[in-house]
Amino acid sequence: MDVPPVLLVVAIAIVVLAFAAYQYWAAEQRRQALAAFAAAEGLAFDRSPPRTMLQGFAAFDPFTTGHSRRAANLVHGARGEIEWECFDYRYTTGSGKHQQTHIVGVAAARVDLAFPRLEVRPEGIFDRLAAAIGFDDIDFESAEFSRRYYVKSADRKFAYDLIHPQMMEYLLACPPRKWQATGPMIVLTRSAYYSPEDLGATMRMIEGFLERVPGFVRQDIGLRSA
């Protein structure tokens, strides 16, 4: 039996509306969970932070890529010696049928130090191809760490001092993230928004990283001794 076109259109419309309603409900539930997480951690929550906030991330990837850049669901405030800014970020590349929206979960920590520019991220196929033609990253004594991570820094000596054997073990045990540091900020990003549980784990991951910064490096880059 053939379905009349008008009934088919109505059925499709109902499905689309139901899906949109579910997405809205799920997003609202997550916002409420993030707000509760922030309150439990002694932090603040802002579902619609000002766009000017993103100006402080211009030195980091991917905050100067694409267009229609927006931040939402900001968990922020001081806890101990760390000032936190954790939020959802999205931006768009391309246009027309080639347009693509990218979503990023961001966890940023501002601390009392002055990092030389540093990037530590999972190594990809293009990094290996670049290494094959002589554009190599910084390699370390741990072959496993050097295979797993691409490391780039404005100061190679600083990178070797910071990423000592215990730090390598720590990063290998952590979920893969893109770590960036410049000046007083450490920024971790991933290609998905954070749940409250994931965000809490990521904040602890940054705290663990800072705990493993050697004392002489803390002194050199101005970080107060723990």
C-alpha atoms as a PDB file:
ATOM      1  CA  MET A   1       0.000   0.000   0.000  1.00  0.00           C
ATOM      2  CA  ASP A   2       1.445   3.349  -1.060  1.00  0.00           C
ATOM      3  CA  VAL A   3       1.791   6.031   1.609  1.00  0.00           C
ATOM      4  CA  PRO A   4       0.291   9.377   0.522  1.00  0.00           C
ATOM      5  CA  PRO A   5       3.052  11.983   0.042  1.00  0.00           C
ATOM      6  CA  VAL A   6       1.469  14.329   2.569  1.00  0.00           C
ATOM      7  CA  LEU A   7       1.579  11.626   5.277  1.00  0.00           C
ATOM      8  CA  LEU A   8       5.209  10.900   4.454  1.00  0.00           C
ATOM      9  CA  VAL A   9       6.084  14.586   4.826  1.00  0.00           C
ATOM     10  CA  VAL A  10       4.238  14.754   8.147  1.00  0.00           C
ATOM     11  CA  ALA A  11       6.009  11.638   9.415  1.00  0.00           C
ATOM     12  CA  ILE A  12       9.415  13.051   8.471  1.00  0.00           C
ATOM     13  CA  ALA A  13       8.565  16.357  10.140  1.00  0.00           C
ATOM     14  CA  ILE A  14       7.560  14.558  13.350  1.00  0.00           C
ATOM     15  CA  VAL A  15      10.830  12.621  13.400  1.00  0.00           C
ATOM     16  CA  VAL A  16      12.871  15.780  12.806  1.00  0.00           C
ATOM     17  CA  LEU A  17      11.027  17.687  15.541  1.00  0.00           C
ATOM     18  CA  ALA A  18      11.376  14.790  17.973  1.00  0.00           C
ATOM     19  CA  PHE A  19      15.111  14.586  17.307  1.00  0.00           C
ATOM     20  CA  ALA A  20      15.516  18.360  17.750  1.00  0.00           C
ATOM     21  CA  ALA A  21      13.559  18.209  21.011  1.00  0.00           C
ATOM     22  CA  TYR A  22      15.756  15.380  22.284  1.00  0.00           C
ATOM     23  CA  GLN A  23      18.929  17.301  21.384  1.00  0.00           C
ATOM     24  CA  TYR A  24      17.665  20.363  23.236  1.00  0.00           C
ATOM     25  CA  TRP A  25      16.740  18.261  26.267  1.00  0.00           C
ATOM     26  CA  ALA A  26      20.123  16.503  26.297  1.00  0.00           C
ATOM     27  CA  ALA A  27      21.988  19.817  25.971  1.00  0.00           C
ATOM     28  CA  GLU A  28      19.971  21.315  28.834  1.00  0.00           C
ATOM     29  CA  GLN A  29      20.623  18.277  31.036  1.00  0.00           C
ATOM     30  CA  ARG A  30      24.342  18.570  30.345  1.00  0.00           C
ATOM     31  CA  ARG A  31      24.326  22.301  31.151  1.00  0.00           C
ATOM     32  CA  GLN A  32      22.650  21.591  34.470  1.00  0.00           C
ATOM     33  CA  ALA A  33      25.194  18.875  35.219  1.00  0.00           C
ATOM     34  CA  LEU A  34      28.094  21.221  34.403  1.00  0.00           C
ATOM     35  CA  ALA A  35      26.611  23.941  36.597  1.00  0.00           C
ATOM     36  CA  ALA A  36      26.312  21.442  39.467  1.00  0.00           C
ATOM     37  CA  PHE A  37      29.893  20.292  38.881  1.00  0.00           C
ATOM     38  CA  ALA A  38      31.150  23.887  38.954  1.00  0.00           C
ATOM     39  CA  ALA A  39      29.302  24.602  42.211  1.00  0.00           C
ATOM     40  CA  ALA A  40      30.682  21.437  43.816  1.00  0.00           C
ATOM     41  CA  GLU A  41      34.233  22.460  42.841  1.00  0.00           C
ATOM     42  CA  GLY A  42      33.855  26.019  44.122  1.00  0.00           C
ATOM     43  CA  LEU A  43      33.821  27.391  40.571  1.00  0.00           C
ATOM     44  CA  ALA A  44      31.347  29.455  38.539  1.00  0.00           C
ATOM     45  CA  PHE A  45      29.303  28.513  35.475  1.00  0.00           C
ATOM     46  CA  ASP A  46      28.348  30.739  32.545  1.00  0.00           C
ATOM     47  CA  ARG A  47      26.328  29.180  29.741  1.00  0.00           C
ATOM     48  CA  SER A  48      26.958  32.138  27.370  1.00  0.00           C
ATOM     49  CA  PRO A  49      30.364  33.729  28.086  1.00  0.00           C
ATOM     50  CA  PRO A  50      31.304  36.923  26.191  1.00  0.00           C
ATOM     51  CA  ARG A  51      33.051  36.406  22.864  1.00  0.00           C
ATOM     52  CA  THR A  52      35.873  38.646  24.062  1.00  0.00           C
ATOM     53  CA  MET A  53      36.956  35.733  26.276  1.00  0.00           C
ATOM     54  CA  LEU A  54      38.362  34.006  23.198  1.00  0.00           C
ATOM     55  CA  GLN A  55      40.855  36.821  22.656  1.00  0.00           C
ATOM     56  CA  GLY A  56      42.969  35.315  25.405  1.00  0.00           C
ATOM     57  CA  PHE A  57      43.364  32.115  23.362  1.00  0.00           C
ATOM     58  CA  ALA A  58      44.713  33.654  20.158  1.00  0.00           C
ATOM     59  CA  ALA A  59      48.129  32.030  20.718  1.00  0.00           C
ATOM     60  CA  PHE A  60      46.626  28.536  20.731  1.00  0.00           C
ATOM     61  CA  ASP A  61      45.263  26.165  18.097  1.00  0.00           C
ATOM     62  CA  PRO A  62      42.503  26.080  16.811  1.00  0.00           C
ATOM     63  CA  PHE A  63      41.300  29.479  18.044  1.00  0.00           C
ATOM     64  CA  THR A  64      42.369  31.421  14.954  1.00  0.00           C
ATOM     65  CA  THR A  65      41.082  28.824  12.478  1.00  0.00           C
ATOM     66  CA  GLY A  66      37.861  29.185  10.514  1.00  0.00           C
ATOM     67  CA  HIS A  67      34.971  31.512  11.290  1.00  0.00           C
ATOM     68  CA  SER A  68      31.756  31.666  13.355  1.00  0.00           C
ATOM     69  CA  ARG A  69      33.778  30.982  16.493  1.00  0.00           C
ATOM     70  CA  ARG A  70      31.780  30.531  19.676  1.00  0.00           C
ATOM     71  CA  ALA A  71      32.301  29.446  23.255  1.00  0.00           C
ATOM     72  CA  ALA A  72      29.633  28.131  25.615  1.00  0.00           C
ATOM     73  CA  ASN A  73      29.187  26.426  28.978  1.00  0.00           C
ATOM     74  CA  LEU A  74      32.164  28.032  30.685  1.00  0.00           C
ATOM     75  CA  VAL A  75      33.336  26.569  33.996  1.00  0.00           C
ATOM     76  CA  HIS A  76      35.718  29.080  35.516  1.00  0.00           C
ATOM     77  CA  GLY A  77      37.348  30.381  38.649  1.00  0.00           C
ATOM     78  CA  ALA A  78      40.302  29.807  40.945  1.00  0.00           C
ATOM     79  CA  ARG A  79      41.061  26.588  42.755  1.00  0.00           C
ATOM     80  CA  GLY A  80      44.324  26.535  44.638  1.00  0.00           C
ATOM     81  CA  GLU A  81      46.958  28.271  42.537  1.00  0.00           C
ATOM     82  CA  ILE A  82      45.207  27.539  39.250  1.00  0.00           C
ATOM     83  CA  GLU A  83      42.730  29.807  37.463  1.00  0.00           C
ATOM     84  CA  TRP A  84      40.476  27.596  35.324  1.00  0.00           C
ATOM     85  CA  GLU A  85      38.635  28.286  32.073  1.00  0.00           C
ATOM     86  CA  CYS A  86      36.956  25.154  30.711  1.00  0.00           C
ATOM     87  CA  PHE A  87      34.375  25.412  27.952  1.00  0.00           C
ATOM     88  CA  ASP A  88      32.758  24.128  24.782  1.00  0.00           C
ATOM     89  CA  TYR A  89      34.148  25.649  21.600  1.00  0.00           C
ATOM     90  CA  ARG A  90      32.986  25.426  18.024  1.00  0.00           C
ATOM     91  CA  TYR A  91      34.055  26.969  14.746  1.00  0.00           C
ATOM     92  CA  THR A  92      33.283  26.538  11.068  1.00  0.00           C
ATOM     93  CA  THR A  93      35.553  25.965   8.090  1.00  0.00           C
ATOM     94  CA  GLY A  94      34.673  26.162   4.408  1.00  0.00           C
ATOM     95  CA  SER A  95      31.429  27.424   2.945  1.00  0.00           C
ATOM     96  CA  GLY A  96      28.401  26.163   1.062  1.00  0.00           C
ATOM     97  CA  LYS A  97      28.316  22.415   0.605  1.00  0.00           C
ATOM     98  CA  HIS A  98      31.926  22.224   1.823  1.00  0.00           C
ATOM     99  CA  GLN A  99      31.104  23.873   5.142  1.00  0.00           C
ATOM    100  CA  GLN A 100      31.998  21.910   8.258  1.00  0.00           C
ATOM    101  CA  THR A 101      31.426  22.700  11.938  1.00  0.00           C
ATOM    102  CA  HIS A 102      34.095  21.532  14.375  1.00  0.00           C
ATOM    103  CA  ILE A 103      33.514  21.003  18.096  1.00  0.00           C
ATOM    104  CA  VAL A 104      36.275  21.166  20.696  1.00  0.00           C
ATOM    105  CA  GLY A 105      36.365  20.535  24.423  1.00  0.00           C
ATOM    106  CA  VAL A 106      38.754  22.981  26.090  1.00  0.00           C
ATOM    107  CA  ALA A 107      40.365  22.855  29.522  1.00  0.00           C
ATOM    108  CA  ALA A 108      42.703  25.758  30.245  1.00  0.00           C
ATOM    109  CA  ALA A 109      44.753  26.465  33.358  1.00  0.00           C
ATOM    110  CA  ARG A 110      46.398  29.794  34.117  1.00  0.00           C
ATOM    111  CA  VAL A 111      49.302  29.493  36.547  1.00  0.00           C
ATOM    112  CA  ASP A 112      52.151  31.588  37.880  1.00  0.00           C
ATOM    113  CA  LEU A 113      54.765  30.690  35.301  1.00  0.00           C
ATOM    114  CA  ALA A 114      56.040  31.723  31.883  1.00  0.00           C
ATOM    115  CA  PHE A 115      56.187  28.739  29.528  1.00  0.00           C
ATOM    116  CA  PRO A 116      58.173  28.904  26.327  1.00  0.00           C
ATOM    117  CA  ARG A 117      55.851  27.829  23.510  1.00  0.00           C
ATOM    118  CA  LEU A 118      55.284  24.086  23.819  1.00  0.00           C
ATOM    119  CA  GLU A 119      53.088  21.595  21.995  1.00  0.00           C
ATOM    120  CA  VAL A 120      52.685  17.925  22.893  1.00  0.00           C
ATOM    121  CA  ARG A 121      50.109  15.985  20.877  1.00  0.00           C
ATOM    122  CA  PRO A 122      49.478  12.472  19.605  1.00  0.00           C
ATOM    123  CA  GLU A 123      51.659  11.838  16.574  1.00  0.00           C
ATOM    124  CA  GLY A 124      49.819  11.326  13.288  1.00  0.00           C
ATOM    125  CA  ILE A 125      50.631   9.934   9.873  1.00  0.00           C
ATOM    126  CA  PHE A 126      51.518  13.363   8.475  1.00  0.00           C
ATOM    127  CA  ASP A 127      54.032  13.883  11.286  1.00  0.00           C
ATOM    128  CA  ARG A 128      55.689  10.597  10.350  1.00  0.00           C
ATOM    129  CA  LEU A 129      55.791  11.598   6.691  1.00  0.00           C
ATOM    130  CA  ALA A 130      57.305  14.963   7.633  1.00  0.00           C
ATOM    131  CA  ALA A 131      59.940  13.196   9.749  1.00  0.00           C
ATOM    132  CA  ALA A 132      60.808  10.973   6.786  1.00  0.00           C
ATOM    133  CA  ILE A 133      61.816  14.020   4.751  1.00  0.00           C
ATOM    134  CA  GLY A 134      63.739  15.703   7.523  1.00  0.00           C
ATOM    135  CA  PHE A 135      61.135  17.809   9.365  1.00  0.00           C
ATOM    136  CA  ASP A 136      61.486  16.046  12.689  1.00  0.00           C
ATOM    137  CA  ASP A 137      59.993  16.839  16.087  1.00  0.00           C
ATOM    138  CA  ILE A 138      61.864  16.564  19.391  1.00  0.00           C
ATOM    139  CA  ASP A 139      62.706  12.956  20.184  1.00  0.00           C
ATOM    140  CA  PHE A 140      63.225  11.540  23.662  1.00  0.00           C
ATOM    141  CA  GLU A 141      64.978   8.570  25.255  1.00  0.00           C
ATOM    142  CA  SER A 142      61.695   6.684  25.475  1.00  0.00           C
ATOM    143  CA  ALA A 143      61.048   5.173  22.039  1.00  0.00           C
ATOM    144  CA  GLU A 144      57.425   4.548  23.024  1.00  0.00           C
ATOM    145  CA  PHE A 145      56.896   8.179  23.991  1.00  0.00           C
ATOM    146  CA  SER A 146      58.580   9.430  20.813  1.00  0.00           C
ATOM    147  CA  ARG A 147      56.343   7.146  18.721  1.00  0.00           C
ATOM    148  CA  ARG A 148      53.201   8.189  20.574  1.00  0.00           C
ATOM    149  CA  TYR A 149      53.731  11.948  20.840  1.00  0.00           C
ATOM    150  CA  TYR A 150      54.801  14.808  18.616  1.00  0.00           C
ATOM    151  CA  VAL A 151      56.665  17.413  20.667  1.00  0.00           C
ATOM    152  CA  LYS A 152      57.547  20.903  19.499  1.00  0.00           C
ATOM    153  CA  SER A 153      58.969  23.759  21.541  1.00  0.00           C
ATOM    154  CA  ALA A 154      60.550  27.162  21.060  1.00  0.00           C
ATOM    155  CA  ASP A 155      63.204  25.974  23.543  1.00  0.00           C
ATOM    156  CA  ARG A 156      64.449  22.412  23.039  1.00  0.00           C
ATOM    157  CA  LYS A 157      66.437  22.393  26.292  1.00  0.00           C
ATOM    158  CA  PHE A 158      63.325  23.415  28.196  1.00  0.00           C
ATOM    159  CA  ALA A 159      61.382  20.581  26.545  1.00  0.00           C
ATOM    160  CA  TYR A 160      63.991  18.015  27.571  1.00  0.00           C
ATOM    161  CA  ASP A 161      64.114  19.378  31.136  1.00  0.00           C
ATOM    162  CA  LEU A 162      60.331  19.422  31.467  1.00  0.00           C
ATOM    163  CA  ILE A 163      59.563  16.071  29.861  1.00  0.00           C
ATOM    164  CA  HIS A 164      61.771  13.873  32.014  1.00  0.00           C
ATOM    165  CA  PRO A 165      61.280  10.079  32.335  1.00  0.00           C
ATOM    166  CA  GLN A 166      58.601  10.332  35.053  1.00  0.00           C
ATOM    167  CA  MET A 167      56.708  12.957  33.032  1.00  0.00           C
ATOM    168  CA  MET A 168      56.849  10.704  29.968  1.00  0.00           C
ATOM    169  CA  GLU A 169      55.423   7.810  31.997  1.00  0.00           C
ATOM    170  CA  TYR A 170      52.667  10.098  33.257  1.00  0.00           C
ATOM    171  CA  LEU A 171      51.701  11.354  29.796  1.00  0.00           C
ATOM    172  CA  LEU A 172      51.732   7.821  28.394  1.00  0.00           C
ATOM    173  CA  ALA A 173      49.303   6.767  31.129  1.00  0.00           C
ATOM    174  CA  CYS A 174      46.969   9.727  30.440  1.00  0.00           C
ATOM    175  CA  PRO A 175      44.245   9.705  27.759  1.00  0.00           C
ATOM    176  CA  PRO A 176      45.625  11.240  24.541  1.00  0.00           C
ATOM    177  CA  ARG A 177      45.144  14.993  24.423  1.00  0.00           C
ATOM    178  CA  LYS A 178      46.666  17.920  22.621  1.00  0.00           C
ATOM    179  CA  TRP A 179      48.713  19.846  25.205  1.00  0.00           C
ATOM    180  CA  GLN A 180      49.721  23.423  24.480  1.00  0.00           C
ATOM    181  CA  ALA A 181      51.503  25.868  26.743  1.00  0.00           C
ATOM    182  CA  THR A 182      52.540  29.466  26.219  1.00  0.00           C
ATOM    183  CA  GLY A 183      53.264  32.044  28.883  1.00  0.00           C
ATOM    184  CA  PRO A 184      51.038  31.450  31.919  1.00  0.00           C
ATOM    185  CA  MET A 185      48.574  29.110  30.236  1.00  0.00           C
ATOM    186  CA  ILE A 186      48.295  25.375  29.680  1.00  0.00           C
ATOM    187  CA  VAL A 187      45.523  24.391  27.253  1.00  0.00           C
ATOM    188  CA  LEU A 188      44.223  20.871  26.624  1.00  0.00           C
ATOM    189  CA  THR A 189      41.841  20.218  23.745  1.00  0.00           C
ATOM    190  CA  ARG A 190      39.975  17.265  22.352  1.00  0.00           C
ATOM    191  CA  SER A 191      37.501  16.782  19.489  1.00  0.00           C
ATOM    192  CA  ALA A 192      34.457  16.343  21.734  1.00  0.00           C
ATOM    193  CA  TYR A 193      32.753  18.278  24.484  1.00  0.00           C
ATOM    194  CA  TYR A 194      33.516  17.275  28.062  1.00  0.00           C
ATOM    195  CA  SER A 195      31.033  15.629  30.364  1.00  0.00           C
ATOM    196  CA  PRO A 196      31.367  16.769  34.010  1.00  0.00           C
ATOM    197  CA  GLU A 197      33.183  13.501  34.804  1.00  0.00           C
ATOM    198  CA  ASP A 198      35.598  13.911  31.894  1.00  0.00           C
ATOM    199  CA  LEU A 199      36.202  17.540  32.786  1.00  0.00           C
ATOM    200  CA  GLY A 200      37.034  16.681  36.375  1.00  0.00           C
ATOM    201  CA  ALA A 201      39.478  14.003  35.204  1.00  0.00           C
ATOM    202  CA  THR A 202      41.094  16.435  32.749  1.00  0.00           C
ATOM    203  CA  MET A 203      41.551  19.092  35.417  1.00  0.00           C
ATOM    204  CA  ARG A 204      43.218  16.500  37.651  1.00  0.00           C
ATOM    205  CA  MET A 205      45.393  15.524  34.696  1.00  0.00           C
ATOM    206  CA  ILE A 206      46.661  19.103  34.375  1.00  0.00           C
ATOM    207  CA  GLU A 207      47.246  19.256  38.130  1.00  0.00           C
ATOM    208  CA  GLY A 208      49.250  16.022  37.894  1.00  0.00           C
ATOM    209  CA  PHE A 209      51.311  17.498  35.077  1.00  0.00           C
ATOM    210  CA  LEU A 210      52.146  20.567  37.173  1.00  0.00           C
ATOM    211  CA  GLU A 211      53.073  18.415  40.168  1.00  0.00           C
ATOM    212  CA  ARG A 212      55.701  16.701  38.004  1.00  0.00           C
ATOM    213  CA  VAL A 213      57.392  19.894  36.809  1.00  0.00           C
ATOM    214  CA  PRO A 214      60.924  19.684  38.285  1.00  0.00           C
ATOM    215  CA  GLY A 215      61.888  22.246  40.911  1.00  0.00           C
ATOM    216  CA  PHE A 216      64.695  23.733  38.830  1.00  0.00           C
ATOM    217  CA  VAL A 217      62.310  24.175  35.894  1.00  0.00           C
ATOM    218  CA  ARG A 218      59.778  25.853  38.194  1.00  0.00           C
ATOM    219  CA  GLN A 219      62.489  28.258  39.258  1.00  0.00           C
ATOM    220  CA  ASP A 220      63.594  28.953  35.679  1.00  0.00           C
ATOM    221  CA  ILE A 221      60.092  29.684  34.391  1.00  0.00           C
ATOM    222  CA  GLY A 222      58.892  31.506  37.478  1.00  0.00           C
ATOM    223  CA  LEU A 223      56.462  28.962  38.893  1.00  0.00           C
ATOM    224  CA  ARG A 224      56.025  29.266  42.634  1.00  0.00           C
ATOM    225  CA  SER A 225      57.313  26.238  44.480  1.00  0.00           C
ATOM    226  CA  ALA A 226      54.566  23.873  45.607  1.00  0.00           C
END
